[in-house]
């Protein structure tokens, strides 16, 4: 398992944990998801371009 695949898995788990349906994150709204989503998209693009 490469470090880049591990990074993508961790980011996906963070996205799931930041969903506002969980009790502890309900008051956060969708702001954390959009930030983590942008980071995930950047990492996926870098993986496709074979930068990381």
N, C-alpha and C. Protein backbone atom coordinates (compact mmCIF):
# COMPACT_ATOMS: atom_id res chain seq x y z
N UNK A 1 0.85 -1.17 0.00
CA UNK A 1 0.00 0.00 0.00
C UNK A 1 0.90 1.23 0.00
N UNK A 2 0.71 2.08 -0.98
CA UNK A 2 1.53 3.28 -1.08
C UNK A 2 0.99 4.38 -0.17
N UNK A 3 1.83 5.34 0.09
CA UNK A 3 1.46 6.44 0.98
C UNK A 3 0.37 7.31 0.35
N UNK A 4 0.34 7.42 -0.97
CA UNK A 4 -0.68 8.23 -1.63
C UNK A 4 -2.06 7.59 -1.51
N UNK A 5 -2.12 6.26 -1.62
CA UNK A 5 -3.40 5.58 -1.44
C UNK A 5 -3.88 5.71 0.00
N UNK A 6 -2.96 5.63 0.93
CA UNK A 6 -3.29 5.81 2.34
C UNK A 6 -3.81 7.22 2.60
N UNK A 7 -3.22 8.21 1.95
CA UNK A 7 -3.66 9.60 2.09
C UNK A 7 -5.08 9.77 1.56
N UNK A 8 -5.40 9.18 0.44
CA UNK A 8 -6.76 9.27 -0.12
C UNK A 8 -7.76 8.60 0.81
N UNK A 9 -7.42 7.45 1.37
CA UNK A 9 -8.32 6.76 2.29
C UNK A 9 -8.58 7.59 3.53
N UNK A 10 -7.54 8.20 4.08
CA UNK A 10 -7.70 9.05 5.27
C UNK A 10 -8.57 10.26 4.95
N UNK A 11 -8.38 10.87 3.79
CA UNK A 11 -9.20 12.03 3.42
C UNK A 11 -10.66 11.65 3.24
N UNK A 12 -10.92 10.49 2.68
CA UNK A 12 -12.31 10.04 2.52
C UNK A 12 -12.94 9.79 3.88
N UNK A 13 -12.19 9.19 4.80
CA UNK A 13 -12.71 8.98 6.15
C UNK A 13 -12.97 10.30 6.87
N UNK A 14 -12.11 11.29 6.65
CA UNK A 14 -12.34 12.61 7.24
C UNK A 14 -13.60 13.26 6.67
N UNK A 15 -13.84 13.07 5.37
CA UNK A 15 -15.06 13.61 4.76
C UNK A 15 -16.30 12.98 5.38
N UNK A 16 -16.27 11.68 5.60
CA UNK A 16 -17.41 10.99 6.20
C UNK A 16 -17.61 11.47 7.64
N UNK A 17 -16.51 11.66 8.37
CA UNK A 17 -16.61 12.11 9.75
C UNK A 17 -17.09 13.54 9.88
N UNK A 18 -16.92 14.35 8.85
CA UNK A 18 -17.33 15.75 8.90
C UNK A 18 -18.74 15.98 8.41
N UNK A 19 -19.43 14.93 7.98
CA UNK A 19 -20.81 15.10 7.53
C UNK A 19 -21.67 15.65 8.66
N UNK A 20 -22.54 16.61 8.37
CA UNK A 20 -23.36 17.22 9.42
C UNK A 20 -24.47 16.32 9.95
N UNK A 21 -24.53 15.06 9.53
CA UNK A 21 -25.55 14.17 10.07
C UNK A 21 -25.14 13.57 11.40
N UNK A 22 -23.84 13.60 11.72
CA UNK A 22 -23.37 13.09 13.00
C UNK A 22 -23.68 14.11 14.09
N UNK A 23 -23.91 13.65 15.29
CA UNK A 23 -24.30 14.52 16.39
C UNK A 23 -23.28 15.59 16.72
N UNK A 24 -22.00 15.24 16.75
CA UNK A 24 -20.98 16.20 17.15
C UNK A 24 -20.68 17.23 16.07
N UNK A 25 -21.02 16.96 14.83
CA UNK A 25 -20.69 17.89 13.76
C UNK A 25 -21.91 18.58 13.16
N UNK A 26 -23.05 18.43 13.80
CA UNK A 26 -24.28 18.99 13.24
C UNK A 26 -24.23 20.52 13.18
N UNK A 27 -23.61 21.16 14.16
CA UNK A 27 -23.58 22.62 14.19
C UNK A 27 -22.50 23.21 13.28
N UNK A 28 -21.63 22.38 12.71
CA UNK A 28 -20.57 22.87 11.85
C UNK A 28 -21.09 23.31 10.49
N UNK A 29 -22.17 22.71 10.02
CA UNK A 29 -22.66 22.99 8.68
C UNK A 29 -21.82 22.25 7.65
N UNK A 30 -21.79 22.77 6.43
CA UNK A 30 -21.08 22.09 5.34
C UNK A 30 -19.69 22.66 5.08
N UNK A 31 -19.24 23.61 5.89
CA UNK A 31 -17.92 24.21 5.66
C UNK A 31 -16.78 23.21 5.72
N UNK A 32 -16.69 22.33 6.73
CA UNK A 32 -15.57 21.38 6.75
C UNK A 32 -15.56 20.42 5.56
N UNK A 33 -16.74 20.05 5.10
CA UNK A 33 -16.82 19.12 3.97
C UNK A 33 -16.29 19.77 2.70
N UNK A 34 -16.61 21.03 2.49
CA UNK A 34 -16.14 21.68 1.27
C UNK A 34 -14.63 21.84 1.29
N UNK A 35 -14.06 22.17 2.44
CA UNK A 35 -12.60 22.28 2.53
C UNK A 35 -11.91 20.95 2.33
N UNK A 36 -12.42 19.90 2.97
CA UNK A 36 -11.83 18.57 2.80
C UNK A 36 -12.06 18.05 1.39
N UNK A 37 -13.19 18.40 0.79
CA UNK A 37 -13.46 17.97 -0.58
C UNK A 37 -12.48 18.58 -1.57
N UNK A 38 -12.14 19.85 -1.35
CA UNK A 38 -11.16 20.50 -2.22
C UNK A 38 -9.80 19.84 -2.08
N UNK A 39 -9.41 19.53 -0.84
CA UNK A 39 -8.13 18.85 -0.61
C UNK A 39 -8.14 17.48 -1.28
N UNK A 40 -9.25 16.75 -1.16
CA UNK A 40 -9.35 15.43 -1.78
C UNK A 40 -9.25 15.52 -3.30
N UNK A 41 -9.90 16.49 -3.91
CA UNK A 41 -9.83 16.67 -5.36
C UNK A 41 -8.40 16.99 -5.79
N UNK A 42 -7.72 17.85 -5.04
CA UNK A 42 -6.33 18.19 -5.38
C UNK A 42 -5.44 16.96 -5.31
N UNK A 43 -5.61 16.14 -4.26
CA UNK A 43 -4.79 14.93 -4.11
C UNK A 43 -5.08 13.95 -5.24
N UNK A 44 -6.34 13.79 -5.62
CA UNK A 44 -6.68 12.87 -6.70
C UNK A 44 -6.10 13.35 -8.03
N UNK A 45 -6.16 14.66 -8.29
CA UNK A 45 -5.57 15.20 -9.52
C UNK A 45 -4.06 14.96 -9.52
N UNK A 46 -3.41 15.17 -8.39
CA UNK A 46 -1.96 14.93 -8.32
C UNK A 46 -1.64 13.46 -8.51
N UNK A 47 -2.51 12.56 -8.03
CA UNK A 47 -2.30 11.14 -8.25
C UNK A 47 -2.43 10.78 -9.73
N UNK A 48 -3.43 11.36 -10.39
CA UNK A 48 -3.65 11.07 -11.81
C UNK A 48 -2.48 11.59 -12.64
N UNK A 49 -1.92 12.73 -12.25
CA UNK A 49 -0.79 13.30 -12.98
C UNK A 49 0.54 12.68 -12.57
N UNK A 50 0.50 11.72 -11.66
CA UNK A 50 1.70 11.01 -11.17
C UNK A 50 2.71 11.96 -10.53
N UNK A 51 2.21 12.99 -9.85
CA UNK A 51 3.09 13.90 -9.13
C UNK A 51 3.44 13.32 -7.77
N UNK A 52 2.46 12.67 -7.13
CA UNK A 52 2.73 12.02 -5.84
C UNK A 52 2.50 10.53 -5.96
